[in-house]
């Protein structure tokens, strides 16, 4: 008898609860709302499993990495979006005051905007991490690229989240136009204060994209001549030939003439040799022949292209212009020393006498 009485009591209690009201809603409405929320949570879990197991295995068999990036980036935001949507549908089943309903709708729209923002930020960051970071790791200008990539990633995140927050605040009912106007005035003040930093960063991006030089190159800029030791996002360090390290702000590379000595196909060297007035025409011809043979005998460091010509009768000498080109990659100073010593030996052996004074000019050129 007790066994029959207990189910009847339970059923009667359930009937009473159906008609009762809790916080302005019947128990049926609360159960329906809870069912939507729990159902959405279960659906979100199944979706997460589908992304991880089924789609993960499918994308692993494809040759491209793009589908793996999409699956990895979208799964968590989509699961969160489904959960939010389920809770919103459950909330819609309840009778609430008008003001609370308004705030509930706004909160859902804000959460949805932030979820979409999270999805876009994750996707863009994954694309940068997949395609730009490996390039920076294997690129020639590793220092600047390794510094530039974090700046790009942070900039993308900042831009996406800023737009997302603006959208969320608009959904929350705030006057975004007035807020943006205030931000614009503050941003202008900050931009004026940080204009040098911004100019240096854009200069670093110019070096990164145009690649006018790389670490290890010898360059000349604004009177500084030396080897590039380090390329940063804001500045570049140059080890000058005199010894000190010069730090050049990167914005200089945007509006200053730069000479890349290492990038030259060859280095032009010009000598103006003066022989004494007692030199006979035969000896002048011999001097020119000696200069031509000098170039031919040093093809390991010199190009065959050269010039040796009797050009002028000067006040103190008979002038011979001698032009030769040092090969790219050769040590410029060592090559000059080797050529000059051999020239002295050959002229001395031929009895060719230099007049005083004799001028020497060294200049770089692209050929």
Protein backbone atom coordinates (compact mmCIF):
# COMPACT_ATOMS: atom_id res chain seq x y z
CA UNK A 1 0.00 0.00 0.00
CA UNK A 2 2.88 2.26 0.74
CA UNK A 3 4.37 1.56 -2.71
CA UNK A 4 1.12 2.66 -4.36
CA UNK A 5 0.77 5.73 -2.18
CA UNK A 6 4.29 7.16 -2.88
CA UNK A 7 3.90 7.51 -6.71
CA UNK A 8 0.52 9.06 -6.22
CA UNK A 9 2.00 11.57 -3.76
CA UNK A 10 4.82 12.34 -6.16
CA UNK A 11 2.41 12.88 -9.04
CA UNK A 12 0.23 15.13 -6.97
CA UNK A 13 3.26 17.20 -5.93
CA UNK A 14 4.27 17.54 -9.57
CA UNK A 15 0.77 18.68 -10.46
CA UNK A 16 0.89 21.29 -7.73
CA UNK A 17 4.34 22.48 -8.87
CA UNK A 18 3.12 22.90 -12.45
CA UNK A 19 0.62 25.39 -11.33
CA UNK A 20 2.91 27.19 -8.88
CA UNK A 21 4.91 30.28 -9.79
CA UNK A 22 8.56 30.95 -8.92
CA UNK A 23 10.06 34.40 -9.58
CA UNK A 24 7.19 35.26 -11.90
CA UNK A 25 7.40 32.06 -14.00
CA UNK A 26 5.81 28.63 -13.74
CA UNK A 27 7.91 25.54 -13.22
CA UNK A 28 7.12 24.50 -16.78
CA UNK A 29 8.74 27.68 -18.08
CA UNK A 30 11.79 27.15 -15.86
CA UNK A 31 12.17 23.55 -17.06
CA UNK A 32 11.84 24.63 -20.70
CA UNK A 33 14.42 27.40 -20.23
CA UNK A 34 16.79 25.00 -18.50
CA UNK A 35 16.28 22.47 -21.30
CA UNK A 36 17.37 25.02 -23.93
CA UNK A 37 20.45 25.91 -21.90
CA UNK A 38 21.48 22.31 -21.21
CA UNK A 39 20.68 21.28 -24.80
CA UNK A 40 22.86 24.06 -26.15
CA UNK A 41 25.69 23.03 -23.81
CA UNK A 42 25.43 19.42 -25.01
CA UNK A 43 25.33 20.58 -28.64
CA UNK A 44 28.42 22.71 -28.02
CA UNK A 45 30.26 19.70 -26.57
CA UNK A 46 29.29 17.59 -29.59
CA UNK A 47 30.45 20.35 -31.92
CA UNK A 48 33.79 20.53 -30.11
CA UNK A 49 34.15 16.76 -30.47
CA UNK A 50 33.26 17.01 -34.16
CA UNK A 51 35.91 19.67 -34.74
CA UNK A 52 38.58 17.77 -32.82
CA UNK A 53 37.96 14.24 -34.00
CA UNK A 54 36.14 14.22 -37.33
CA UNK A 55 37.20 17.46 -39.00
CA UNK A 56 40.68 17.24 -37.45
CA UNK A 57 41.28 13.87 -39.10
CA UNK A 58 39.88 15.10 -42.42
CA UNK A 59 42.06 18.20 -42.55
CA UNK A 60 45.16 16.25 -41.50
CA UNK A 61 44.91 14.26 -44.74
CA UNK A 62 44.87 17.35 -47.00
CA UNK A 63 48.00 18.94 -48.46
CA UNK A 64 47.13 22.52 -47.49
CA UNK A 65 47.45 23.95 -44.00
CA UNK A 66 44.64 26.47 -44.45
CA UNK A 67 41.88 24.05 -43.43
CA UNK A 68 43.81 23.04 -40.30
CA UNK A 69 44.12 26.72 -39.38
CA UNK A 70 40.40 27.29 -39.89
CA UNK A 71 39.41 24.29 -37.76
CA UNK A 72 41.85 25.15 -34.98
CA UNK A 73 40.83 28.81 -34.88
CA UNK A 74 37.06 28.48 -35.19
CA UNK A 75 36.23 25.59 -32.86
CA UNK A 76 36.33 27.38 -29.49
CA UNK A 77 34.50 30.57 -30.59
CA UNK A 78 31.81 28.53 -32.36
CA UNK A 79 31.30 26.37 -29.26
CA UNK A 80 31.00 29.49 -27.11
CA UNK A 81 28.59 31.05 -29.63
CA UNK A 82 26.33 27.97 -29.58
CA UNK A 83 26.31 27.98 -25.79
CA UNK A 84 25.39 31.67 -25.67
CA UNK A 85 22.63 31.18 -28.23
CA UNK A 86 21.16 28.30 -26.21
CA UNK A 87 21.14 30.33 -23.00
CA UNK A 88 19.54 33.22 -24.90
CA UNK A 89 16.75 30.96 -26.20
CA UNK A 90 16.22 29.63 -22.68
CA UNK A 91 16.07 33.17 -21.32
CA UNK A 92 13.43 34.02 -23.94
CA UNK A 93 11.12 31.37 -22.46
CA UNK A 94 10.88 33.29 -19.17
CA UNK A 95 8.61 36.20 -18.32
CA UNK A 96 10.78 39.04 -17.01
CA UNK A 97 10.23 42.77 -16.48
CA UNK A 98 10.64 44.92 -19.58
CA UNK A 99 13.76 46.67 -18.26
CA UNK A 100 15.41 43.35 -17.38
CA UNK A 101 14.50 41.96 -20.79
CA UNK A 102 16.10 44.98 -22.45
CA UNK A 103 19.32 44.52 -20.49
CA UNK A 104 19.28 40.79 -21.18
CA UNK A 105 19.05 41.42 -24.92
CA UNK A 106 21.88 43.93 -24.73
CA UNK A 107 24.10 41.56 -22.77
CA UNK A 108 23.52 38.82 -25.33
CA UNK A 109 24.38 41.16 -28.22
CA UNK A 110 27.53 42.33 -26.40
CA UNK A 111 28.61 38.74 -25.70
CA UNK A 112 27.90 37.78 -29.33
CA UNK A 113 29.96 40.74 -30.63
CA UNK A 114 32.88 39.83 -28.37
CA UNK A 115 32.66 36.17 -29.46
CA UNK A 116 32.81 37.14 -33.13
CA UNK A 117 35.73 39.45 -32.36
CA UNK A 118 37.52 36.59 -30.59
CA UNK A 119 36.92 34.36 -33.63
CA UNK A 120 38.33 36.91 -36.10
CA UNK A 121 41.33 37.70 -33.87
CA UNK A 122 42.19 34.00 -33.47
CA UNK A 123 41.87 33.38 -37.20
CA UNK A 124 44.07 36.31 -38.26
CA UNK A 125 46.66 35.53 -35.58
CA UNK A 126 46.80 31.90 -36.73
CA UNK A 127 47.34 33.00 -40.34
CA UNK A 128 50.17 35.34 -39.32
CA UNK A 129 51.72 32.64 -37.14
CA UNK A 130 51.48 30.05 -39.92
CA UNK A 131 52.66 32.07 -42.90
CA UNK A 132 54.61 35.11 -41.66
CA UNK A 133 56.55 33.70 -38.69
CA UNK A 134 58.23 30.86 -40.70
CA UNK A 135 59.27 33.42 -43.32
CA UNK A 136 60.86 35.59 -40.63
CA UNK A 137 62.73 32.59 -39.23
CA UNK A 138 64.26 31.63 -42.57
CA UNK A 139 64.69 35.14 -44.00
CA UNK A 140 67.99 36.93 -44.48
CA UNK A 141 67.07 39.92 -42.32
CA UNK A 142 66.22 37.72 -39.36
CA UNK A 143 66.67 40.41 -36.70
CA UNK A 144 64.24 42.96 -38.07
CA UNK A 145 61.71 40.36 -39.22
CA UNK A 146 61.74 38.62 -35.85
CA UNK A 147 61.08 42.01 -34.22
CA UNK A 148 58.53 43.09 -36.81
CA UNK A 149 56.33 39.99 -36.65
CA UNK A 150 55.34 40.50 -32.96
CA UNK A 151 54.50 44.12 -33.78
CA UNK A 152 52.29 43.00 -36.68
CA UNK A 153 50.55 40.38 -34.53
CA UNK A 154 49.96 42.86 -31.71
CA UNK A 155 48.75 45.51 -34.16
CA UNK A 156 46.24 43.13 -35.75
CA UNK A 157 44.93 42.04 -32.35
CA UNK A 158 44.64 45.65 -31.18
CA UNK A 159 42.77 46.69 -34.33
CA UNK A 160 40.35 43.74 -34.27
CA UNK A 161 39.60 44.04 -30.56
CA UNK A 162 39.17 47.81 -30.83
CA UNK A 163 36.59 47.38 -33.56
CA UNK A 164 34.95 44.56 -31.59
CA UNK A 165 34.69 46.66 -28.44
CA UNK A 166 33.20 49.55 -30.42
CA UNK A 167 30.59 47.15 -31.86
CA UNK A 168 29.89 45.70 -28.40
CA UNK A 169 29.44 49.15 -26.85
CA UNK A 170 27.13 50.11 -29.70
CA UNK A 171 25.06 46.99 -28.99
CA UNK A 172 25.01 47.94 -25.31
CA UNK A 173 23.31 51.22 -26.20
CA UNK A 174 26.20 53.66 -25.74
CA UNK A 175 26.75 56.66 -28.00
CA UNK A 176 29.75 55.35 -29.90
CA UNK A 177 30.03 58.46 -32.09
CA UNK A 178 30.74 60.75 -29.14
CA UNK A 179 33.12 58.17 -27.67
CA UNK A 180 35.05 57.88 -30.93
CA UNK A 181 35.28 61.66 -31.16
CA UNK A 182 36.86 61.76 -27.72
CA UNK A 183 39.19 58.90 -28.59
CA UNK A 184 40.13 60.68 -31.82
CA UNK A 185 41.24 63.81 -29.97
CA UNK A 186 43.22 61.76 -27.46
CA UNK A 187 44.67 59.62 -30.24
CA UNK A 188 45.79 62.74 -32.12
CA UNK A 189 47.62 63.98 -29.03
CA UNK A 190 49.28 60.59 -28.54
CA UNK A 191 50.23 60.43 -32.22
CA UNK A 192 51.90 63.84 -32.01
CA UNK A 193 53.84 62.73 -28.94
CA UNK A 194 54.88 59.43 -30.53
CA UNK A 195 55.48 60.65 -34.10
CA UNK A 196 59.23 59.93 -33.95
CA UNK A 197 58.62 56.39 -32.74
CA UNK A 198 56.01 55.83 -35.45
CA UNK A 199 58.38 57.25 -38.09
CA UNK A 200 61.13 54.89 -36.93
CA UNK A 201 58.78 51.89 -37.04
CA UNK A 202 57.71 52.75 -40.58
CA UNK A 203 61.36 53.18 -41.48
CA UNK A 204 62.00 49.69 -40.13
CA UNK A 205 59.11 48.38 -42.23
CA UNK A 206 60.69 50.06 -45.28
CA UNK A 207 64.01 48.33 -44.60
CA UNK A 208 62.12 45.07 -44.11
CA UNK A 209 60.13 45.35 -47.37
CA UNK A 210 62.62 47.04 -49.74
CA UNK A 211 65.76 45.38 -48.29
CA UNK A 212 68.24 48.14 -49.32
CA UNK A 213 70.79 46.36 -47.12
CA UNK A 214 71.09 43.46 -44.69
CA UNK A 215 73.16 42.67 -41.62
CA UNK A 216 76.84 42.36 -42.60
CA UNK A 217 76.65 44.84 -45.50
CA UNK A 218 78.91 47.86 -45.63
CA UNK A 219 76.90 51.05 -46.18
CA UNK A 220 77.40 54.81 -46.26
CA UNK A 221 74.76 57.19 -44.92
CA UNK A 222 75.11 60.84 -43.82
CA UNK A 223 78.89 60.65 -43.55
CA UNK A 224 78.92 57.35 -41.68
CA UNK A 225 80.74 54.47 -43.36
CA UNK A 226 80.69 51.03 -41.79
CA UNK A 227 79.24 47.54 -41.47
CA UNK A 228 75.64 46.93 -40.44
CA UNK A 229 75.73 44.96 -37.19
CA UNK A 230 72.06 44.88 -36.18
CA UNK A 231 68.77 45.97 -37.76
CA UNK A 232 66.04 46.74 -35.26
CA UNK A 233 62.46 47.89 -35.57
CA UNK A 234 63.34 51.42 -34.39
CA UNK A 235 67.05 51.81 -35.22
CA UNK A 236 70.02 50.26 -37.00
CA UNK A 237 73.51 49.82 -35.52
CA UNK A 238 76.53 50.43 -37.77
CA UNK A 239 80.12 49.52 -36.86
CA UNK A 240 82.02 52.38 -38.50
CA UNK A 241 85.45 51.99 -40.07
CA UNK A 242 86.81 54.33 -37.38
CA UNK A 243 85.66 51.93 -34.66
CA UNK A 244 82.66 53.45 -32.83
CA UNK A 245 79.17 51.97 -33.22
CA UNK A 246 76.68 54.47 -34.66
CA UNK A 247 72.94 54.08 -33.98
CA UNK A 248 70.91 55.41 -36.93
CA UNK A 249 67.14 55.98 -36.47
CA UNK A 250 65.27 54.02 -39.12
CA UNK A 251 63.32 57.03 -40.39
CA UNK A 252 66.61 58.27 -41.88
CA UNK A 253 66.42 55.52 -44.50
CA UNK A 254 63.18 57.02 -45.87
CA UNK A 255 64.55 60.43 -46.84
CA UNK A 256 68.34 60.04 -47.03
CA UNK A 257 70.55 58.85 -49.88
CA UNK A 258 72.04 55.48 -48.90
CA UNK A 259 75.04 53.83 -50.56
CA UNK A 260 75.37 50.08 -50.20
CA UNK A 261 79.07 49.43 -50.74
CA UNK A 262 78.69 45.66 -50.46
CA UNK A 263 75.96 45.66 -53.11
CA UNK A 264 78.19 47.30 -55.73
CA UNK A 265 79.00 45.11 -58.75
CA UNK A 266 82.52 46.51 -58.60
CA UNK A 267 84.57 49.26 -57.00
CA UNK A 268 86.03 51.87 -59.34
CA UNK A 269 89.51 53.14 -58.49
CA UNK A 270 90.99 56.09 -60.38
CA UNK A 271 94.66 57.13 -60.27
CA UNK A 272 96.18 60.19 -61.89
CA UNK A 273 99.85 59.31 -62.26
CA UNK A 274 102.39 62.01 -63.06
CA UNK A 275 105.72 61.16 -64.71
CA UNK A 276 108.66 63.57 -64.95
CA UNK A 277 109.04 65.73 -68.08
CA UNK A 278 112.20 63.85 -68.99
CA UNK A 279 110.12 60.78 -69.86
CA UNK A 280 110.47 59.90 -73.57
CA UNK A 281 107.48 58.97 -75.79
CA UNK A 282 108.73 55.38 -75.86
CA UNK A 283 108.76 55.29 -72.04
CA UNK A 284 105.25 56.73 -71.92
CA UNK A 285 104.05 53.92 -74.20
CA UNK A 286 105.88 51.43 -71.99
CA UNK A 287 104.16 52.90 -68.87
CA UNK A 288 100.73 52.43 -70.45
CA UNK A 289 101.64 48.86 -71.44
CA UNK A 290 102.80 48.16 -67.87
CA UNK A 291 99.45 49.34 -66.50
CA UNK A 292 97.52 47.13 -68.94
CA UNK A 293 99.60 44.08 -68.08
CA UNK A 294 99.17 44.87 -64.38
CA UNK A 295 95.38 44.54 -64.71
CA UNK A 296 95.68 41.37 -66.79
CA UNK A 297 97.93 39.74 -64.16
CA UNK A 298 95.49 40.39 -61.29
CA UNK A 299 92.26 38.95 -62.66
CA UNK A 300 91.58 37.25 -59.32
CA UNK A 301 90.72 40.64 -57.78
CA UNK A 302 90.28 42.98 -60.79
CA UNK A 303 87.91 43.12 -63.75
CA UNK A 304 89.47 43.10 -67.19
CA UNK A 305 87.75 46.38 -67.98
CA UNK A 306 90.20 49.26 -67.37
CA UNK A 307 91.57 52.54 -68.76
CA UNK A 308 95.17 53.72 -69.15
CA UNK A 309 95.65 56.92 -71.14
CA UNK A 310 98.17 59.77 -71.53
CA UNK A 311 95.78 62.65 -70.89
CA UNK A 312 97.56 65.95 -70.15
CA UNK A 313 100.71 68.02 -69.83
CA UNK A 314 100.53 69.32 -66.27
CA UNK A 315 102.70 72.01 -64.63
CA UNK A 316 104.87 69.44 -62.89
CA UNK A 317 104.25 66.22 -64.76
CA UNK A 318 103.06 64.25 -67.78
CA UNK A 319 99.68 62.92 -66.65
CA UNK A 320 98.45 59.34 -67.12
CA UNK A 321 94.91 58.46 -65.99
CA UNK A 322 94.67 54.86 -64.77
CA UNK A 323 91.22 53.44 -63.96
CA UNK A 324 90.54 49.86 -62.84
CA UNK A 325 87.68 47.99 -61.13
CA UNK A 326 87.94 45.76 -58.04
CA UNK A 327 85.71 42.70 -58.20
CA UNK A 328 82.65 42.47 -55.96
CA UNK A 329 83.46 40.52 -52.81
CA UNK A 330 87.17 41.30 -52.85
CA UNK A 331 88.75 43.19 -49.95
CA UNK A 332 88.92 46.74 -51.30
CA UNK A 333 91.84 47.94 -49.18
CA UNK A 334 93.85 44.75 -49.63
CA UNK A 335 93.26 44.88 -53.40
CA UNK A 336 94.41 48.50 -53.58
CA UNK A 337 97.54 47.72 -51.57
CA UNK A 338 98.39 44.76 -53.81
CA UNK A 339 97.90 46.75 -57.04
CA UNK A 340 99.80 49.81 -55.81
CA UNK A 341 102.82 47.82 -54.62
CA UNK A 342 102.98 45.91 -57.91
CA UNK A 343 102.67 49.18 -59.82
CA UNK A 344 105.60 50.68 -57.90
CA UNK A 345 107.73 47.59 -58.53
CA UNK A 346 107.02 47.52 -62.26
CA UNK A 347 107.57 51.25 -62.77
CA UNK A 348 110.81 51.10 -60.78
CA UNK A 349 112.04 48.12 -62.80
CA UNK A 350 111.19 49.94 -66.05
CA UNK A 351 112.99 53.11 -64.95
CA UNK A 352 109.80 55.18 -64.91
CA UNK A 353 110.09 58.10 -62.49
CA UNK A 354 107.16 59.78 -60.77
CA UNK A 355 106.98 63.56 -60.68
CA UNK A 356 106.05 65.57 -57.61
CA UNK A 357 103.26 66.21 -56.68
CA UNK A 358 101.11 63.20 -57.76
CA UNK A 359 97.39 63.00 -56.85
CA UNK A 360 95.32 59.90 -56.17
CA UNK A 361 91.51 59.75 -56.21
CA UNK A 362 89.34 56.87 -54.94
CA UNK A 363 85.63 56.83 -55.64
CA UNK A 364 82.79 54.33 -55.58
CA UNK A 365 80.45 53.81 -58.48
CA UNK A 366 77.89 51.43 -59.85
CA UNK A 367 78.93 49.88 -63.11
